[in-house]
Amino acid sequence: MRNYTTQMDAARKGIITPEMKKVAWDEYRSEEEIRELVAKGQVAICANKNHKCLEPKGVGSMLKTKINVNLGVSRDCKDYDVEMKKVLAAVDMGADAIMDLSSHGNTQPFRRKLVEECPVMLGTVPVYDSVIHYQRDLSELTAKDFIDVIRLHAEDGVDFVTLHCGITRKTIEQIKKHKRKMNIVSRGGSLVFAWMSMTGEENPFYEYYDEILDICREYDVTISLGDACRPGCLADATDVCQIEELVRLGELTKRAWEKDVQVMVEGPGHMSLDQIEANMKVQNSICMGAPFYVLGPLVTDIAPGYDHITSAIGGAIAAASGAAFLCYVTPAEHLALPNLEDVKQGIIASKIAAHAADIAKKVPHAMDRDNAMAEARRTFDWDKQWECAIDPETAKSIREDRSPEFDDTCSMCGKFCAVRSMNKALNGEYIDIL
């Protein structure tokens, strides 16, 4: 029988939970160190008490950088079986979290299936589901309707919910006054903005925040504080709308911690390279070290079809500068619902970014595979190279497609191979080139 409500509550009581033990093992850290970080709010272990098959992981800047994968059906792509295949593939490829962003159909059976079968952290954006669940237009929904859907998701076993609590009626005037190029590009943020504009009421996620915290505390749901005003293009980055919302998210983080509710804070979407590190430092200061969950950031706006690459560039810098959680971006970003191949490309790009950042911030044992790869390349141990590779199937298929005459070379260099020549030279052997 649990004698604590949330992971943070347990940590503050000096209790080391099974989830903390698992995180400590995975991260090569002591159980006490993880407990202290959870107690401070600097590590979040997103673990709804109703998600029984979860293999818990920690999210924090000092831990391995985690990867989130967005999936879910839409009106134009409504096959839940296809989405489930993507989920299973994403888990196999190493995703640490799945966010169900479904915006069409009967969402609850799919969500419950995820909770029953998916071992990674699960997240949702309840404001999307509110319109679908009640089958009513946005303006017809009440504040109570939104809160009830949060409770429904918590009861179903969702580990974290993205809530756009940081925009208020003041934001309406800011957006009108500052005339951003892209206005609000957050889907959830735009829905909250539209609801406030149509009803004349305050943001329900802000106005009834204490009630939401009570729900999250009951089920141990982590709040991911959504950044409704994240920049949707480079020109809008680090503007007054983004920073003013971030200040409010810092206040909301503190209020959540006062009720032992874990928090992650979402960060910018599009941002030039030179602004990323400063943004991570500002967030860390304002939000008191709460794990930062970044959506990219994409470092240029002109690469549709390649935004998994622009995102990986920004994500690597962000994670090396303090971000804890990268939301993957696929080649289909800004264009379409991603297919299975898009999902794969997005995950691989994000994993490369996360791994590069972990090396830079000296996460324990982050370079072990890199060192093993270097040894395998020096000794031409191809099987070991596949074992070390982030995507072994692709690496192996490229070599097999253009196989060399000799196994101790590749088809680019042949006997001109530097590694082959150096091995022979250092062993005192004759170096044959022709």
Protein backbone atom coordinates (compact mmCIF):
# COMPACT_ATOMS: atom_id res chain seq x y z
CA MET A 1 0.00 0.00 0.00
CA ARG A 2 1.44 3.38 -1.05
CA ASN A 3 1.92 5.77 1.85
CA TYR A 4 2.54 8.69 -0.51
CA THR A 5 0.54 10.41 -3.25
CA THR A 6 3.12 11.36 -5.87
CA GLN A 7 6.77 10.69 -6.60
CA MET A 8 7.55 14.18 -5.31
CA ASP A 9 5.56 13.58 -2.13
CA ALA A 10 7.48 10.34 -1.52
CA ALA A 11 10.83 12.00 -2.20
CA ARG A 12 10.08 14.78 0.25
CA LYS A 13 9.13 12.22 2.87
CA GLY A 14 12.48 10.47 2.40
CA ILE A 15 10.88 7.48 0.65
CA ILE A 16 12.76 5.87 -2.26
CA THR A 17 10.09 4.44 -4.54
CA PRO A 18 10.52 1.49 -6.94
CA GLU A 19 10.40 4.04 -9.77
CA MET A 20 13.30 6.00 -8.25
CA LYS A 21 15.30 2.79 -7.89
CA LYS A 22 14.77 1.98 -11.58
CA VAL A 23 15.78 5.48 -12.67
CA ALA A 24 18.89 5.37 -10.47
CA TRP A 25 19.92 2.05 -12.06
CA ASP A 26 19.37 3.33 -15.60
CA GLU A 27 21.25 6.58 -14.98
CA TYR A 28 24.27 5.20 -13.08
CA ARG A 29 23.37 7.33 -10.07
CA SER A 30 22.61 6.61 -6.44
CA GLU A 31 19.03 6.15 -5.30
CA GLU A 32 19.47 8.94 -2.78
CA GLU A 33 20.68 11.33 -5.46
CA ILE A 34 17.59 10.64 -7.58
CA ARG A 35 15.33 11.05 -4.54
CA GLU A 36 16.85 14.46 -3.77
CA LEU A 37 16.44 15.64 -7.37
CA VAL A 38 12.80 14.52 -7.45
CA ALA A 39 12.16 16.28 -4.13
CA LYS A 40 13.58 19.51 -5.59
CA GLY A 41 11.54 19.17 -8.79
CA GLN A 42 14.68 19.00 -10.94
CA VAL A 43 13.86 15.44 -12.03
CA ALA A 44 10.36 14.31 -12.97
CA ILE A 45 9.38 10.66 -13.00
CA CYS A 46 6.16 10.66 -15.01
CA ALA A 47 4.34 7.63 -13.62
CA ASN A 48 0.56 7.59 -13.25
CA LYS A 49 -0.39 5.06 -10.59
CA ASN A 50 -2.84 3.46 -13.09
CA HIS A 51 -0.17 2.86 -15.76
CA LYS A 52 0.75 -0.63 -14.60
CA CYS A 53 3.06 -1.72 -17.46
CA LEU A 54 5.22 1.41 -17.30
CA GLU A 55 8.99 1.11 -17.27
CA PRO A 56 9.71 4.41 -15.48
CA LYS A 57 12.31 6.89 -16.61
CA GLY A 58 13.56 10.16 -15.19
CA VAL A 59 13.47 13.47 -16.99
CA GLY A 60 16.06 16.01 -15.89
CA SER A 61 18.90 18.04 -17.37
CA MET A 62 21.56 16.04 -15.53
CA LEU A 63 20.17 12.70 -16.79
CA LYS A 64 20.18 11.14 -20.25
CA THR A 65 18.23 13.33 -22.66
CA LYS A 66 14.85 11.77 -23.33
CA ILE A 67 12.89 11.64 -26.61
CA ASN A 68 9.15 12.16 -27.05
CA VAL A 69 7.21 10.98 -30.11
CA ASN A 70 3.93 12.64 -31.13
CA LEU A 71 1.32 10.37 -32.74
CA GLY A 72 -2.44 10.17 -33.11
CA VAL A 73 -5.21 10.24 -35.70
CA SER A 74 -6.78 13.21 -37.44
CA ARG A 75 -9.89 13.69 -39.57
CA ASP A 76 -7.82 13.10 -42.73
CA CYS A 77 -5.86 10.11 -41.34
CA LYS A 78 -8.12 8.18 -39.01
CA ASP A 79 -6.79 4.61 -38.81
CA TYR A 80 -6.04 3.78 -35.17
CA ASP A 81 -4.44 0.45 -36.18
CA VAL A 82 -1.85 2.33 -38.23
CA GLU A 83 -1.15 4.64 -35.29
CA MET A 84 -0.69 1.64 -32.99
CA LYS A 85 1.88 0.21 -35.41
CA LYS A 86 3.72 3.53 -35.26
CA VAL A 87 3.62 3.43 -31.45
CA LEU A 88 5.11 -0.06 -31.29
CA ALA A 89 7.76 0.85 -33.86
CA ALA A 90 8.63 4.02 -31.95
CA VAL A 91 9.07 2.08 -28.72
CA ASP A 92 11.27 -0.48 -30.50
CA MET A 93 13.40 2.38 -31.87
CA GLY A 94 13.99 3.77 -28.40
CA ALA A 95 11.34 6.44 -27.83
CA ASP A 96 11.07 7.36 -24.15
CA ALA A 97 7.56 8.79 -24.37
CA ILE A 98 4.51 8.74 -26.64
CA MET A 99 2.09 11.65 -26.86
CA ASP A 100 -1.35 10.81 -28.20
CA LEU A 101 -2.46 13.94 -30.05
CA SER A 102 -5.54 12.36 -31.61
CA SER A 103 -8.10 14.91 -32.77
CA HIS A 104 -10.76 12.67 -34.30
CA GLY A 105 -13.00 9.72 -33.46
CA ASN A 106 -13.47 7.78 -30.24
CA THR A 107 -10.17 8.53 -28.53
CA GLN A 108 -10.66 6.75 -25.21
CA PRO A 109 -10.30 3.11 -26.39
CA PHE A 110 -7.02 3.98 -28.13
CA ARG A 111 -5.77 5.84 -25.06
CA ARG A 112 -6.66 2.93 -22.79
CA LYS A 113 -4.97 0.49 -25.17
CA LEU A 114 -1.81 2.57 -24.94
CA VAL A 115 -1.96 2.48 -21.14
CA GLU A 116 -2.47 -1.29 -21.17
CA GLU A 117 0.27 -2.13 -23.68
CA CYS A 118 2.79 0.70 -23.94
CA PRO A 119 5.72 0.56 -21.48
CA VAL A 120 6.94 4.15 -22.03
CA MET A 121 5.62 7.42 -20.61
CA LEU A 122 2.31 8.49 -22.11
CA GLY A 123 1.18 12.07 -22.59
CA THR A 124 -1.92 13.81 -23.92
CA VAL A 125 -3.27 17.32 -24.51
CA PRO A 126 -6.74 17.24 -22.91
CA VAL A 127 -7.93 20.43 -24.62
CA TYR A 128 -7.83 18.59 -27.97
CA ASP A 129 -9.94 15.78 -26.62
CA SER A 130 -12.52 18.08 -25.04
CA VAL A 131 -14.11 18.99 -28.38
CA ILE A 132 -13.99 15.35 -29.53
CA HIS A 133 -15.24 13.87 -26.25
CA TYR A 134 -18.28 16.14 -25.98
CA GLN A 135 -18.86 16.50 -29.74
CA ARG A 136 -19.58 20.19 -29.28
CA ASP A 137 -18.03 23.25 -30.85
CA LEU A 138 -15.36 25.02 -28.83
CA SER A 139 -17.53 27.96 -27.77
CA GLU A 140 -20.15 25.60 -26.32
CA LEU A 141 -17.71 24.00 -23.88
CA THR A 142 -17.52 25.15 -20.28
CA ALA A 143 -14.59 25.39 -17.90
CA LYS A 144 -15.98 22.36 -16.10
CA ASP A 145 -15.96 20.38 -19.35
CA PHE A 146 -12.22 20.99 -19.76
CA ILE A 147 -11.46 20.02 -16.16
CA ASP A 148 -13.57 16.86 -16.41
CA VAL A 149 -11.56 15.70 -19.44
CA ILE A 150 -8.33 16.17 -17.49
CA ARG A 151 -9.77 13.91 -14.80
CA LEU A 152 -10.82 11.37 -17.44
CA HIS A 153 -7.28 11.22 -18.85
CA ALA A 154 -5.82 10.91 -15.36
CA GLU A 155 -8.18 8.05 -14.50
CA ASP A 156 -7.28 6.30 -17.77
CA GLY A 157 -3.61 6.26 -16.73
CA VAL A 158 -1.94 9.06 -18.69
CA ASP A 159 1.46 9.91 -17.16
CA PHE A 160 1.69 13.57 -18.18
CA VAL A 161 -0.72 16.13 -19.60
CA THR A 162 0.17 19.23 -21.55
CA LEU A 163 -1.90 22.14 -20.26
CA HIS A 164 -1.71 25.66 -21.67
CA CYS A 165 -2.11 27.40 -18.33
CA GLY A 166 0.22 30.32 -18.99
CA ILE A 167 -1.83 32.43 -21.35
CA THR A 168 -4.52 34.71 -19.94
CA ARG A 169 -6.86 37.37 -21.24
CA LYS A 170 -3.88 39.71 -21.08
CA THR A 171 -2.27 37.59 -23.80
CA ILE A 172 -5.08 38.46 -26.21
CA GLU A 173 -4.10 42.11 -26.07
CA GLN A 174 -0.37 41.27 -26.29
CA ILE A 175 -0.85 39.22 -29.46
CA LYS A 176 -2.89 42.00 -31.05
CA LYS A 177 -0.41 44.69 -30.01
CA HIS A 178 2.90 43.04 -30.88
CA LYS A 179 1.76 41.67 -34.27
CA ARG A 180 3.82 38.52 -34.51
CA LYS A 181 4.49 37.08 -37.95
CA MET A 182 3.01 33.69 -36.97
CA ASN A 183 0.75 34.67 -34.06
CA ILE A 184 0.15 31.50 -31.95
CA VAL A 185 1.22 28.23 -33.58
CA SER A 186 0.56 25.97 -30.59
CA ARG A 187 -2.56 23.98 -31.46
CA GLY A 188 -3.65 23.75 -27.83
CA GLY A 189 -2.70 27.35 -27.19
CA SER A 190 -4.72 28.54 -30.16
CA LEU A 191 -7.79 26.62 -28.92
CA VAL A 192 -7.53 28.22 -25.48
CA PHE A 193 -7.00 31.64 -27.09
CA ALA A 194 -10.03 31.11 -29.33
CA TRP A 195 -12.20 29.95 -26.41
CA MET A 196 -11.28 33.02 -24.36
CA SER A 197 -11.93 35.28 -27.35
CA MET A 198 -15.37 33.79 -28.03
CA THR A 199 -16.60 33.45 -24.44
CA GLY A 200 -15.00 36.49 -22.84
CA GLU A 201 -13.91 34.26 -19.94
CA GLU A 202 -10.50 33.67 -18.39
CA ASN A 203 -8.36 30.68 -19.37
CA PRO A 204 -9.95 27.79 -17.41
CA PHE A 205 -6.61 26.01 -17.06
CA TYR A 206 -5.26 29.08 -15.28
CA GLU A 207 -8.41 30.04 -13.36
CA TYR A 208 -8.99 26.53 -11.99
CA TYR A 209 -5.35 25.54 -11.68
CA ASP A 210 -5.69 24.49 -8.03
CA GLU A 211 -8.48 22.07 -8.93
CA ILE A 212 -6.31 20.64 -11.71
CA LEU A 213 -3.44 20.20 -9.26
CA ASP A 214 -5.73 18.20 -6.96
CA ILE A 215 -6.54 15.82 -9.83
CA CYS A 216 -2.88 15.43 -10.78
CA ARG A 217 -1.90 14.82 -7.17
CA GLU A 218 -4.56 12.11 -6.82
CA TYR A 219 -3.31 10.08 -9.78
CA ASP A 220 0.35 11.21 -9.79
CA VAL A 221 0.08 12.91 -13.18
CA THR A 222 2.92 15.22 -14.18
CA ILE A 223 1.91 18.57 -15.63
CA SER A 224 3.72 19.61 -18.78
CA LEU A 225 3.19 23.36 -18.81
CA GLY A 226 2.54 24.10 -22.46
CA ASP A 227 4.08 27.16 -24.07
CA ALA A 228 1.16 28.54 -26.04
CA CYS A 229 3.27 31.50 -27.17
CA ARG A 230 6.25 29.50 -28.38
CA PRO A 231 7.69 31.08 -31.52
CA GLY A 232 6.48 29.55 -34.77
CA CYS A 233 9.17 31.24 -36.84
CA LEU A 234 12.60 32.72 -36.19
CA ALA A 235 11.28 36.28 -36.33
CA ASP A 236 9.02 35.69 -33.28
CA ALA A 237 11.68 34.09 -31.08
CA THR A 238 12.37 35.47 -27.60
CA ASP A 239 9.71 38.16 -27.90
CA VAL A 240 7.65 39.70 -25.11
CA CYS A 241 4.77 37.22 -25.55
CA GLN A 242 7.07 34.20 -25.13
CA ILE A 243 8.97 35.60 -22.16
CA GLU A 244 5.90 36.94 -20.35
CA GLU A 245 4.28 33.51 -20.58
CA LEU A 246 7.49 31.86 -19.33
CA VAL A 247 7.42 34.07 -16.23
CA ARG A 248 3.89 32.90 -15.52
CA LEU A 249 4.94 29.27 -16.06
CA GLY A 250 7.57 29.80 -13.38
CA GLU A 251 4.85 30.93 -10.97
CA LEU A 252 2.68 27.92 -11.89
CA THR A 253 5.63 25.57 -11.39
CA LYS A 254 6.04 26.82 -7.83
CA ARG A 255 2.32 26.40 -7.13
CA ALA A 256 2.40 22.82 -8.42
CA TRP A 257 5.40 21.93 -6.27
CA GLU A 258 3.58 23.28 -3.22
CA LYS A 259 1.06 20.47 -3.79
CA ASP A 260 3.73 17.84 -4.57
CA VAL A 261 2.78 17.74 -8.25
CA GLN A 262 5.64 17.18 -10.68
CA VAL A 263 6.18 19.65 -13.51
CA MET A 264 7.90 19.85 -16.87
CA VAL A 265 8.03 23.15 -18.74
CA GLU A 266 7.71 23.31 -22.52
CA GLY A 267 10.06 25.47 -24.53
CA PRO A 268 10.52 27.23 -27.84
CA GLY A 269 9.73 25.85 -31.28
CA HIS A 270 11.63 28.02 -33.80
CA MET A 271 14.76 29.93 -32.82
CA SER A 272 18.08 30.96 -34.35
CA LEU A 273 21.18 29.11 -33.19
CA ASP A 274 22.59 32.04 -31.22
CA GLN A 275 19.50 32.36 -29.00
CA ILE A 276 19.14 28.75 -27.86
CA GLU A 277 21.66 28.62 -25.01
CA ALA A 278 20.40 31.91 -23.54
CA ASN A 279 16.81 30.67 -23.64
CA MET A 280 17.77 27.50 -21.76
CA LYS A 281 19.49 29.55 -19.05
CA VAL A 282 16.56 31.95 -18.69
CA GLN A 283 14.11 29.04 -18.39
CA ASN A 284 16.29 27.29 -15.83
CA SER A 285 16.37 30.44 -13.72
CA ILE A 286 12.70 31.41 -13.98
CA CYS A 287 11.40 27.85 -13.55
CA MET A 288 13.88 26.92 -10.81
CA GLY A 289 15.46 23.97 -12.59
CA ALA A 290 12.24 22.19 -13.57
CA PRO A 291 12.88 19.82 -16.51
CA PHE A 292 12.68 21.69 -19.81
CA TYR A 293 10.86 20.01 -22.71
CA VAL A 294 11.74 21.63 -26.05
CA LEU A 295 9.87 21.35 -29.33
CA GLY A 296 12.91 21.41 -31.59
CA PRO A 297 13.92 24.12 -31.62
CA LEU A 298 14.01 24.43 -35.41
CA VAL A 299 16.91 26.66 -36.40
CA THR A 300 15.63 27.75 -39.81
CA ASP A 301 12.19 28.09 -41.36
CA ILE A 302 13.00 27.12 -44.96
CA ALA A 303 13.51 23.34 -44.86
CA PRO A 304 10.10 21.66 -45.24
CA GLY A 305 10.72 17.96 -45.79
CA TYR A 306 13.94 18.19 -43.77
CA ASP A 307 12.71 19.66 -40.51
CA HIS A 308 13.87 16.57 -38.63
CA ILE A 309 17.39 17.83 -39.42
CA THR A 310 16.76 21.49 -38.53
CA SER A 311 15.18 20.26 -35.29
CA ALA A 312 18.06 17.93 -34.46
CA ILE A 313 20.56 20.76 -34.85
CA GLY A 314 18.62 22.93 -32.42
CA GLY A 315 17.81 20.03 -30.12
CA ALA A 316 21.46 19.09 -29.69
CA ILE A 317 22.35 22.65 -28.66
CA ALA A 318 19.31 22.92 -26.40
CA ALA A 319 19.99 19.65 -24.59
CA ALA A 320 23.69 20.42 -24.21
CA SER A 321 22.63 23.75 -22.67
CA GLY A 322 20.17 22.28 -20.18
CA ALA A 323 17.05 20.94 -21.91
CA ALA A 324 15.98 17.53 -20.58
CA PHE A 325 13.39 16.30 -23.07
CA LEU A 326 13.33 16.61 -26.88
CA CYS A 327 10.08 16.38 -28.80
CA TYR A 328 10.93 14.72 -32.08
CA VAL A 329 10.18 16.42 -35.39
CA THR A 330 9.66 14.41 -38.57
CA PRO A 331 10.23 15.24 -42.26
CA ALA A 332 6.44 15.70 -42.46
CA GLU A 333 6.42 18.62 -39.98
CA HIS A 334 4.37 21.52 -41.40
CA LEU A 335 3.25 19.25 -44.25
CA ALA A 336 1.27 16.16 -43.21
CA LEU A 337 0.58 13.50 -40.60
CA PRO A 338 3.82 11.47 -40.43
CA ASN A 339 3.86 7.94 -41.83
CA LEU A 340 5.96 5.12 -40.39
CA GLU A 341 9.09 6.10 -42.32
CA ASP A 342 8.70 9.73 -41.20
CA VAL A 343 8.43 8.53 -37.61
CA LYS A 344 11.63 6.53 -37.98
CA GLN A 345 13.54 9.46 -39.47
CA GLY A 346 12.30 11.78 -36.73
CA ILE A 347 13.29 9.40 -33.94
CA ILE A 348 16.75 8.70 -35.37
CA ALA A 349 17.47 12.43 -35.83
CA SER A 350 16.33 13.18 -32.26
CA LYS A 351 18.33 10.28 -30.82
CA ILE A 352 21.47 11.55 -32.53
CA ALA A 353 20.86 15.03 -31.11
CA ALA A 354 20.17 13.66 -27.62
CA HIS A 355 23.24 11.43 -27.65
CA ALA A 356 25.51 14.22 -28.87
CA ALA A 357 24.21 16.44 -26.06
CA ASP A 358 24.70 13.72 -23.44
CA ILE A 359 28.35 13.44 -24.44
CA ALA A 360 28.75 17.21 -24.24
CA LYS A 361 27.22 17.42 -20.76
CA LYS A 362 29.20 14.37 -19.62
CA VAL A 363 26.32 12.10 -18.68
CA PRO A 364 27.83 8.97 -17.06
CA HIS A 365 28.80 6.33 -19.64
CA ALA A 366 27.43 8.43 -22.54
CA MET A 367 30.57 7.77 -24.64
CA ASP A 368 30.77 4.02 -24.03
CA ARG A 369 29.19 3.11 -27.39
CA ASP A 370 31.29 5.69 -29.23
CA ASN A 371 34.47 4.19 -27.79
CA ALA A 372 33.27 0.71 -28.72
CA MET A 373 32.51 1.91 -32.25
CA ALA A 374 35.99 3.39 -32.61
CA GLU A 375 37.54 0.07 -31.60
CA ALA A 376 35.25 -1.85 -33.98
CA ARG A 377 36.19 0.42 -36.87
CA ARG A 378 39.91 0.10 -36.14
CA THR A 379 39.66 -3.69 -36.18
CA PHE A 380 37.15 -3.92 -39.06
CA ASP A 381 34.68 -5.70 -36.79
CA TRP A 382 31.56 -5.05 -38.85
CA ASP A 383 29.19 -7.01 -36.62
CA LYS A 384 30.31 -4.93 -33.65
CA GLN A 385 29.78 -1.77 -35.67
CA TRP A 386 26.16 -2.77 -36.37
CA GLU A 387 25.75 -3.47 -32.65
CA CYS A 388 26.99 0.02 -31.74
CA ALA A 389 25.03 1.89 -34.41
CA ILE A 390 21.90 3.91 -33.62
CA ASP A 391 20.31 2.50 -36.80
CA PRO A 392 22.12 -0.76 -37.58
CA GLU A 393 19.73 -1.86 -40.34
CA THR A 394 20.41 1.23 -42.45
CA ALA A 395 24.17 1.08 -41.91
CA LYS A 396 24.30 -2.60 -42.82
CA SER A 397 22.11 -2.19 -45.91
CA ILE A 398 24.30 0.63 -47.27
CA ARG A 399 27.45 -1.49 -46.97
CA GLU A 400 25.78 -4.55 -48.49
CA ASP A 401 24.38 -2.50 -51.37
CA ARG A 402 27.90 -1.33 -52.32
CA SER A 403 30.03 -4.17 -51.01
CA PRO A 404 33.81 -3.94 -51.46
CA GLU A 405 36.20 -6.46 -52.99
CA PHE A 406 37.98 -6.99 -49.65
CA ASP A 407 36.32 -7.23 -46.22
CA ASP A 408 38.94 -5.04 -44.54
CA THR A 409 37.95 -2.04 -46.67
CA CYS A 410 34.86 -0.23 -47.87
CA SER A 411 33.98 0.53 -51.50
CA MET A 412 35.00 4.19 -51.15
CA CYS A 413 38.69 3.74 -50.30
CA GLY A 414 39.46 0.12 -51.05
CA LYS A 415 43.14 -0.55 -50.30
CA PHE A 416 43.71 3.19 -49.93
CA CYS A 417 41.92 2.87 -46.58
CA ALA A 418 43.78 4.88 -43.91
CA VAL A 419 42.80 2.49 -41.13
CA ARG A 420 44.05 -0.54 -43.07
CA SER A 421 47.32 1.19 -43.96
CA MET A 422 47.98 2.31 -40.38
CA ASN A 423 47.20 -1.12 -38.93
CA LYS A 424 49.67 -2.73 -41.29
CA ALA A 425 52.31 -0.04 -40.82
CA LEU A 426 52.18 -0.25 -37.03
CA ASN A 427 52.36 -4.04 -37.21
CA GLY A 428 55.42 -3.85 -39.45
CA GLU A 429 53.54 -5.40 -42.39
CA TYR A 430 53.91 -4.74 -46.11
CA ILE A 431 51.26 -2.26 -47.31
CA ASP A 432 49.92 -3.33 -50.68
CA ILE A 433 47.91 -0.72 -52.51
CA LEU A 434 47.61 -2.02 -56.08
